[in-house]
Amino acid sequence: MESAVAARILSSMKDERKKAAKAYAIRLAKL
């Protein structure tokens, strides 16, 4: 439950997540 609530909070930080994605540029690896 804690992680689910935290995930929704993080989801609301869309602009910050965009900046972090650009800053780290870690490419998701296909499994």
ModelCIF file with pLDDT and N, C-alpha, C, O atoms, coordinates in Angstrom:
data_MODEL
#
_entry.id   MODEL 
#
_entity.id                         1 
_entity.type                       polymer 
_entity.pdbx_number_of_molecules   1 
#
_entity_poly.entity_id                      1 
_entity_poly.type                           'polypeptide(L)' 
_entity_poly.nstd_linkage                   no 
_entity_poly.nstd_monomer                   no 
_entity_poly.pdbx_seq_one_letter_code       MESAVAARILSSMKDERKKAAKAYAIRLAKL 
_entity_poly.pdbx_seq_one_letter_code_can   MESAVAARILSSMKDERKKAAKAYAIRLAKL 
_entity_poly.pdbx_strand_id                 A 
#
loop_
_entity_poly_seq.entity_id 
_entity_poly_seq.num 
_entity_poly_seq.mon_id 
_entity_poly_seq.hetero 
1 1  MET n 
1 2  GLU n 
1 3  SER n 
1 4  ALA n 
1 5  VAL n 
1 6  ALA n 
1 7  ALA n 
1 8  ARG n 
1 9  ILE n 
1 10 LEU n 
1 11 SER n 
1 12 SER n 
1 13 MET n 
1 14 LYS n 
1 15 ASP n 
1 16 GLU n 
1 17 ARG n 
1 18 LYS n 
1 19 LYS n 
1 20 ALA n 
1 21 ALA n 
1 22 LYS n 
1 23 ALA n 
1 24 TYR n 
1 25 ALA n 
1 26 ILE n 
1 27 ARG n 
1 28 LEU n 
1 29 ALA n 
1 30 LYS n 
1 31 LEU n 
#
_struct_asym.id          A 
_struct_asym.entity_id   1 
#
loop_
_ma_qa_metric.id 
_ma_qa_metric.mode 
_ma_qa_metric.name 
_ma_qa_metric.software_group_id 
_ma_qa_metric.type 
1 global pLDDT . pLDDT 
2 local  pLDDT . pLDDT 
#
_ma_qa_metric_global.metric_id      1 
_ma_qa_metric_global.metric_value   92.26 
_ma_qa_metric_global.model_id       1 
_ma_qa_metric_global.ordinal_id     1 
#
loop_
_ma_qa_metric_local.label_asym_id 
_ma_qa_metric_local.label_comp_id 
_ma_qa_metric_local.label_seq_id 
_ma_qa_metric_local.metric_id 
_ma_qa_metric_local.metric_value 
_ma_qa_metric_local.model_id 
_ma_qa_metric_local.ordinal_id 
A MET 1  2 97.00 1 1  
A GLU 2  2 97.00 1 2  
A SER 3  2 98.00 1 3  
A ALA 4  2 97.00 1 4  
A VAL 5  2 96.00 1 5  
A ALA 6  2 96.00 1 6  
A ALA 7  2 96.00 1 7  
A ARG 8  2 96.00 1 8  
A ILE 9  2 94.00 1 9  
A LEU 10 2 94.00 1 10 
A SER 11 2 95.00 1 11 
A SER 12 2 94.00 1 12 
A MET 13 2 93.00 1 13 
A LYS 14 2 95.00 1 14 
A ASP 15 2 95.00 1 15 
A GLU 16 2 96.00 1 16 
A ARG 17 2 95.00 1 17 
A LYS 18 2 95.00 1 18 
A LYS 19 2 96.00 1 19 
A ALA 20 2 95.00 1 20 
A ALA 21 2 93.00 1 21 
A LYS 22 2 94.00 1 22 
A ALA 23 2 96.00 1 23 
A TYR 24 2 93.00 1 24 
A ALA 25 2 88.00 1 25 
A ILE 26 2 86.00 1 26 
A ARG 27 2 82.00 1 27 
A LEU 28 2 77.00 1 28 
A ALA 29 2 75.00 1 29 
A LYS 30 2 80.00 1 30 
A LEU 31 2 86.00 1 31 
#
loop_
_atom_site.group_PDB 
_atom_site.id 
_atom_site.type_symbol 
_atom_site.label_atom_id 
_atom_site.label_alt_id 
_atom_site.label_comp_id 
_atom_site.label_asym_id 
_atom_site.label_entity_id 
_atom_site.label_seq_id 
_atom_site.pdbx_PDB_ins_code 
_atom_site.Cartn_x 
_atom_site.Cartn_y 
_atom_site.Cartn_z 
_atom_site.occupancy 
_atom_site.B_iso_or_equiv 
_atom_site.pdbx_formal_charge 
_atom_site.auth_seq_id 
_atom_site.auth_comp_id 
_atom_site.auth_asym_id 
_atom_site.auth_atom_id 
_atom_site.pdbx_PDB_model_num 
ATOM 1   N N  . MET A 1 1  ? 0.836  -1.205  0.000   1.00 97.00 ? 1  MET A N  1 
ATOM 2   C CA . MET A 1 1  ? 0.000  0.000   0.000   1.00 97.00 ? 1  MET A CA 1 
ATOM 3   C C  . MET A 1 1  ? 0.870  1.255   0.000   1.00 97.00 ? 1  MET A C  1 
ATOM 4   O O  . MET A 1 1  ? 0.605  2.208   -0.733  1.00 97.00 ? 1  MET A O  1 
ATOM 5   N N  . GLU A 1 2  ? 1.912  1.241   0.833   1.00 97.00 ? 2  GLU A N  1 
ATOM 6   C CA . GLU A 1 2  ? 2.810  2.397   0.908   1.00 97.00 ? 2  GLU A CA 1 
ATOM 7   C C  . GLU A 1 2  ? 3.438  2.693   -0.449  1.00 97.00 ? 2  GLU A C  1 
ATOM 8   O O  . GLU A 1 2  ? 3.498  3.845   -0.879  1.00 97.00 ? 2  GLU A O  1 
ATOM 9   N N  . SER A 1 3  ? 3.901  1.652   -1.111  1.00 98.00 ? 3  SER A N  1 
ATOM 10  C CA . SER A 1 3  ? 4.560  1.851   -2.405  1.00 98.00 ? 3  SER A CA 1 
ATOM 11  C C  . SER A 1 3  ? 3.568  2.318   -3.461  1.00 98.00 ? 3  SER A C  1 
ATOM 12  O O  . SER A 1 3  ? 3.926  3.088   -4.352  1.00 98.00 ? 3  SER A O  1 
ATOM 13  N N  . ALA A 1 4  ? 2.321  1.856   -3.365  1.00 97.00 ? 4  ALA A N  1 
ATOM 14  C CA . ALA A 1 4  ? 1.303  2.267   -4.328  1.00 97.00 ? 4  ALA A CA 1 
ATOM 15  C C  . ALA A 1 4  ? 0.954  3.737   -4.164  1.00 97.00 ? 4  ALA A C  1 
ATOM 16  O O  . ALA A 1 4  ? 0.797  4.457   -5.150  1.00 97.00 ? 4  ALA A O  1 
ATOM 17  N N  . VAL A 1 5  ? 0.832  4.184   -2.912  1.00 96.00 ? 5  VAL A N  1 
ATOM 18  C CA . VAL A 1 5  ? 0.560  5.607   -2.657  1.00 96.00 ? 5  VAL A CA 1 
ATOM 19  C C  . VAL A 1 5  ? 1.742  6.447   -3.128  1.00 96.00 ? 5  VAL A C  1 
ATOM 20  O O  . VAL A 1 5  ? 1.554  7.483   -3.766  1.00 96.00 ? 5  VAL A O  1 
ATOM 21  N N  . ALA A 1 6  ? 2.965  6.002   -2.814  1.00 96.00 ? 6  ALA A N  1 
ATOM 22  C CA . ALA A 1 6  ? 4.160  6.738   -3.247  1.00 96.00 ? 6  ALA A CA 1 
ATOM 23  C C  . ALA A 1 6  ? 4.253  6.800   -4.767  1.00 96.00 ? 6  ALA A C  1 
ATOM 24  O O  . ALA A 1 6  ? 4.667  7.816   -5.325  1.00 96.00 ? 6  ALA A O  1 
ATOM 25  N N  . ALA A 1 7  ? 3.869  5.717   -5.436  1.00 96.00 ? 7  ALA A N  1 
ATOM 26  C CA . ALA A 1 7  ? 3.916  5.682   -6.900  1.00 96.00 ? 7  ALA A CA 1 
ATOM 27  C C  . ALA A 1 7  ? 2.955  6.702   -7.495  1.00 96.00 ? 7  ALA A C  1 
ATOM 28  O O  . ALA A 1 7  ? 3.273  7.347   -8.494  1.00 96.00 ? 7  ALA A O  1 
ATOM 29  N N  . ARG A 1 8  ? 1.775  6.852   -6.883  1.00 96.00 ? 8  ARG A N  1 
ATOM 30  C CA . ARG A 1 8  ? 0.825  7.855   -7.386  1.00 96.00 ? 8  ARG A CA 1 
ATOM 31  C C  . ARG A 1 8  ? 1.371  9.267   -7.169  1.00 96.00 ? 8  ARG A C  1 
ATOM 32  O O  . ARG A 1 8  ? 1.194  10.147  -8.011  1.00 96.00 ? 8  ARG A O  1 
ATOM 33  N N  . ILE A 1 9  ? 2.037  9.472   -6.030  1.00 94.00 ? 9  ILE A N  1 
ATOM 34  C CA . ILE A 1 9  ? 2.633  10.787  -5.773  1.00 94.00 ? 9  ILE A CA 1 
ATOM 35  C C  . ILE A 1 9  ? 3.709  11.083  -6.820  1.00 94.00 ? 9  ILE A C  1 
ATOM 36  O O  . ILE A 1 9  ? 3.763  12.181  -7.374  1.00 94.00 ? 9  ILE A O  1 
ATOM 37  N N  . LEU A 1 10 ? 4.561  10.095  -7.082  1.00 94.00 ? 10 LEU A N  1 
ATOM 38  C CA . LEU A 1 10 ? 5.598  10.272  -8.101  1.00 94.00 ? 10 LEU A CA 1 
ATOM 39  C C  . LEU A 1 10 ? 5.002  10.486  -9.486  1.00 94.00 ? 10 LEU A C  1 
ATOM 40  O O  . LEU A 1 10 ? 5.550  11.236  -10.294 1.00 94.00 ? 10 LEU A O  1 
ATOM 41  N N  . SER A 1 11 ? 3.882  9.828   -9.756  1.00 95.00 ? 11 SER A N  1 
ATOM 42  C CA . SER A 1 11 ? 3.254  9.991   -11.069 1.00 95.00 ? 11 SER A CA 1 
ATOM 43  C C  . SER A 1 11 ? 2.784  11.427  -11.282 1.00 95.00 ? 11 SER A C  1 
ATOM 44  O O  . SER A 1 11 ? 2.746  11.917  -12.410 1.00 95.00 ? 11 SER A O  1 
ATOM 45  N N  . SER A 1 12 ? 2.426  12.096  -10.183 1.00 94.00 ? 12 SER A N  1 
ATOM 46  C CA . SER A 1 12 ? 1.938  13.476  -10.291 1.00 94.00 ? 12 SER A CA 1 
ATOM 47  C C  . SER A 1 12 ? 3.066  14.461  -10.601 1.00 94.00 ? 12 SER A C  1 
ATOM 48  O O  . SER A 1 12 ? 2.810  15.601  -10.991 1.00 94.00 ? 12 SER A O  1 
ATOM 49  N N  . MET A 1 13 ? 4.324  14.015  -10.425 1.00 93.00 ? 13 MET A N  1 
ATOM 50  C CA . MET A 1 13 ? 5.491  14.895  -10.646 1.00 93.00 ? 13 MET A CA 1 
ATOM 51  C C  . MET A 1 13 ? 5.980  14.771  -12.086 1.00 93.00 ? 13 MET A C  1 
ATOM 52  O O  . MET A 1 13 ? 7.166  14.543  -12.327 1.00 93.00 ? 13 MET A O  1 
ATOM 53  N N  . LYS A 1 14 ? 5.078  14.919  -13.026 1.00 95.00 ? 14 LYS A N  1 
ATOM 54  C CA . LYS A 1 14 ? 5.372  14.678  -14.440 1.00 95.00 ? 14 LYS A CA 1 
ATOM 55  C C  . LYS A 1 14 ? 6.511  15.549  -14.952 1.00 95.00 ? 14 LYS A C  1 
ATOM 56  O O  . LYS A 1 14 ? 7.417  15.040  -15.611 1.00 95.00 ? 14 LYS A O  1 
ATOM 57  N N  . ASP A 1 15 ? 6.490  16.842  -14.667 1.00 95.00 ? 15 ASP A N  1 
ATOM 58  C CA . ASP A 1 15 ? 7.528  17.745  -15.172 1.00 95.00 ? 15 ASP A CA 1 
ATOM 59  C C  . ASP A 1 15 ? 8.902  17.384  -14.620 1.00 95.00 ? 15 ASP A C  1 
ATOM 60  O O  . ASP A 1 15 ? 9.893  17.397  -15.350 1.00 95.00 ? 15 ASP A O  1 
ATOM 61  N N  . GLU A 1 16 ? 8.959  17.060  -13.321 1.00 96.00 ? 16 GLU A N  1 
ATOM 62  C CA . GLU A 1 16 ? 10.234 16.670  -12.717 1.00 96.00 ? 16 GLU A CA 1 
ATOM 63  C C  . GLU A 1 16 ? 10.746 15.370  -13.320 1.00 96.00 ? 16 GLU A C  1 
ATOM 64  O O  . GLU A 1 16 ? 11.943 15.212  -13.558 1.00 96.00 ? 16 GLU A O  1 
ATOM 65  N N  . ARG A 1 17 ? 9.826  14.439  -13.565 1.00 95.00 ? 17 ARG A N  1 
ATOM 66  C CA . ARG A 1 17 ? 10.233 13.156  -14.141 1.00 95.00 ? 17 ARG A CA 1 
ATOM 67  C C  . ARG A 1 17 ? 10.780 13.333  -15.550 1.00 95.00 ? 17 ARG A C  1 
ATOM 68  O O  . ARG A 1 17 ? 11.699 12.623  -15.957 1.00 95.00 ? 17 ARG A O  1 
ATOM 69  N N  . LYS A 1 18 ? 10.222 14.272  -16.286 1.00 95.00 ? 18 LYS A N  1 
ATOM 70  C CA . LYS A 1 18 ? 10.744 14.560  -17.630 1.00 95.00 ? 18 LYS A CA 1 
ATOM 71  C C  . LYS A 1 18 ? 12.177 15.086  -17.543 1.00 95.00 ? 18 LYS A C  1 
ATOM 72  O O  . LYS A 1 18 ? 13.041 14.695  -18.328 1.00 95.00 ? 18 LYS A O  1 
ATOM 73  N N  . LYS A 1 19 ? 12.418 15.975  -16.582 1.00 96.00 ? 19 LYS A N  1 
ATOM 74  C CA . LYS A 1 19 ? 13.767 16.529  -16.402 1.00 96.00 ? 19 LYS A CA 1 
ATOM 75  C C  . LYS A 1 19 ? 14.756 15.446  -15.976 1.00 96.00 ? 19 LYS A C  1 
ATOM 76  O O  . LYS A 1 19 ? 15.892 15.403  -16.448 1.00 96.00 ? 19 LYS A O  1 
ATOM 77  N N  . ALA A 1 20 ? 14.301 14.568  -15.070 1.00 95.00 ? 20 ALA A N  1 
ATOM 78  C CA . ALA A 1 20 ? 15.177 13.493  -14.597 1.00 95.00 ? 20 ALA A CA 1 
ATOM 79  C C  . ALA A 1 20 ? 15.494 12.514  -15.720 1.00 95.00 ? 20 ALA A C  1 
ATOM 80  O O  . ALA A 1 20 ? 16.617 12.021  -15.828 1.00 95.00 ? 20 ALA A O  1 
ATOM 81  N N  . ALA A 1 21 ? 14.493 12.236  -16.557 1.00 93.00 ? 21 ALA A N  1 
ATOM 82  C CA . ALA A 1 21 ? 14.710 11.328  -17.690 1.00 93.00 ? 21 ALA A CA 1 
ATOM 83  C C  . ALA A 1 21 ? 15.767 11.898  -18.631 1.00 93.00 ? 21 ALA A C  1 
ATOM 84  O O  . ALA A 1 21 ? 16.615 11.168  -19.145 1.00 93.00 ? 21 ALA A O  1 
ATOM 85  N N  . LYS A 1 22 ? 15.706 13.199  -18.846 1.00 94.00 ? 22 LYS A N  1 
ATOM 86  C CA . LYS A 1 22 ? 16.678 13.857  -19.719 1.00 94.00 ? 22 LYS A CA 1 
ATOM 87  C C  . LYS A 1 22 ? 18.050 13.922  -19.064 1.00 94.00 ? 22 LYS A C  1 
ATOM 88  O O  . LYS A 1 22 ? 19.072 13.751  -19.729 1.00 94.00 ? 22 LYS A O  1 
ATOM 89  N N  . ALA A 1 23 ? 18.070 14.169  -17.756 1.00 96.00 ? 23 ALA A N  1 
ATOM 90  C CA . ALA A 1 23 ? 19.340 14.303  -17.037 1.00 96.00 ? 23 ALA A CA 1 
ATOM 91  C C  . ALA A 1 23 ? 20.113 12.994  -16.985 1.00 96.00 ? 23 ALA A C  1 
ATOM 92  O O  . ALA A 1 23 ? 21.339 12.993  -17.095 1.00 96.00 ? 23 ALA A O  1 
ATOM 93  N N  . TYR A 1 24 ? 19.411 11.881  -16.819 1.00 93.00 ? 24 TYR A N  1 
ATOM 94  C CA . TYR A 1 24 ? 20.086 10.600  -16.687 1.00 93.00 ? 24 TYR A CA 1 
ATOM 95  C C  . TYR A 1 24 ? 20.179 9.832   -17.999 1.00 93.00 ? 24 TYR A C  1 
ATOM 96  O O  . TYR A 1 24 ? 21.139 9.093   -18.221 1.00 93.00 ? 24 TYR A O  1 
ATOM 97  N N  . ALA A 1 25 ? 19.216 9.999   -18.843 1.00 88.00 ? 25 ALA A N  1 
ATOM 98  C CA . ALA A 1 25 ? 19.224 9.367   -20.166 1.00 88.00 ? 25 ALA A CA 1 
ATOM 99  C C  . ALA A 1 25 ? 19.591 7.881   -20.100 1.00 88.00 ? 25 ALA A C  1 
ATOM 100 O O  . ALA A 1 25 ? 20.351 7.382   -20.930 1.00 88.00 ? 25 ALA A O  1 
ATOM 101 N N  . ILE A 1 26 ? 19.041 7.182   -19.102 1.00 86.00 ? 26 ILE A N  1 
ATOM 102 C CA . ILE A 1 26 ? 19.276 5.741   -18.987 1.00 86.00 ? 26 ILE A CA 1 
ATOM 103 C C  . ILE A 1 26 ? 18.284 5.025   -19.895 1.00 86.00 ? 26 ILE A C  1 
ATOM 104 O O  . ILE A 1 26 ? 17.069 5.133   -19.725 1.00 86.00 ? 26 ILE A O  1 
ATOM 105 N N  . ARG A 1 27 ? 18.817 4.311   -20.838 1.00 82.00 ? 27 ARG A N  1 
ATOM 106 C CA . ARG A 1 27 ? 17.967 3.647   -21.807 1.00 82.00 ? 27 ARG A CA 1 
ATOM 107 C C  . ARG A 1 27 ? 17.412 2.351   -21.226 1.00 82.00 ? 27 ARG A C  1 
ATOM 108 O O  . ARG A 1 27 ? 18.161 1.521   -20.711 1.00 82.00 ? 27 ARG A O  1 
ATOM 109 N N  . LEU A 1 28 ? 16.104 2.187   -21.314 1.00 77.00 ? 28 LEU A N  1 
ATOM 110 C CA . LEU A 1 28 ? 15.494 0.953   -20.838 1.00 77.00 ? 28 LEU A CA 1 
ATOM 111 C C  . LEU A 1 28 ? 15.916 -0.210  -21.715 1.00 77.00 ? 28 LEU A C  1 
ATOM 112 O O  . LEU A 1 28 ? 15.871 -0.132  -22.943 1.00 77.00 ? 28 LEU A O  1 
ATOM 113 N N  . ALA A 1 29 ? 16.324 -1.282  -21.071 1.00 75.00 ? 29 ALA A N  1 
ATOM 114 C CA . ALA A 1 29 ? 16.786 -2.452  -21.815 1.00 75.00 ? 29 ALA A CA 1 
ATOM 115 C C  . ALA A 1 29 ? 15.630 -3.429  -22.012 1.00 75.00 ? 29 ALA A C  1 
ATOM 116 O O  . ALA A 1 29 ? 14.893 -3.736  -21.076 1.00 75.00 ? 29 ALA A O  1 
ATOM 117 N N  . LYS A 1 30 ? 15.487 -3.903  -23.226 1.00 80.00 ? 30 LYS A N  1 
ATOM 118 C CA . LYS A 1 30 ? 14.489 -4.950  -23.478 1.00 80.00 ? 30 LYS A CA 1 
ATOM 119 C C  . LYS A 1 30 ? 14.931 -6.218  -22.761 1.00 80.00 ? 30 LYS A C  1 
ATOM 120 O O  . LYS A 1 30 ? 16.113 -6.563  -22.756 1.00 80.00 ? 30 LYS A O  1 
ATOM 121 N N  . LEU A 1 31 ? 13.973 -6.904  -22.159 1.00 86.00 ? 31 LEU A N  1 
ATOM 122 C CA . LEU A 1 31 ? 14.299 -8.112  -21.415 1.00 86.00 ? 31 LEU A CA 1 
ATOM 123 C C  . LEU A 1 31 ? 14.704 -9.232  -22.367 1.00 86.00 ? 31 LEU A C  1 
ATOM 124 O O  . LEU A 1 31 ? 15.017 -10.337 -21.922 1.00 86.00 ? 31 LEU A O  1 
#
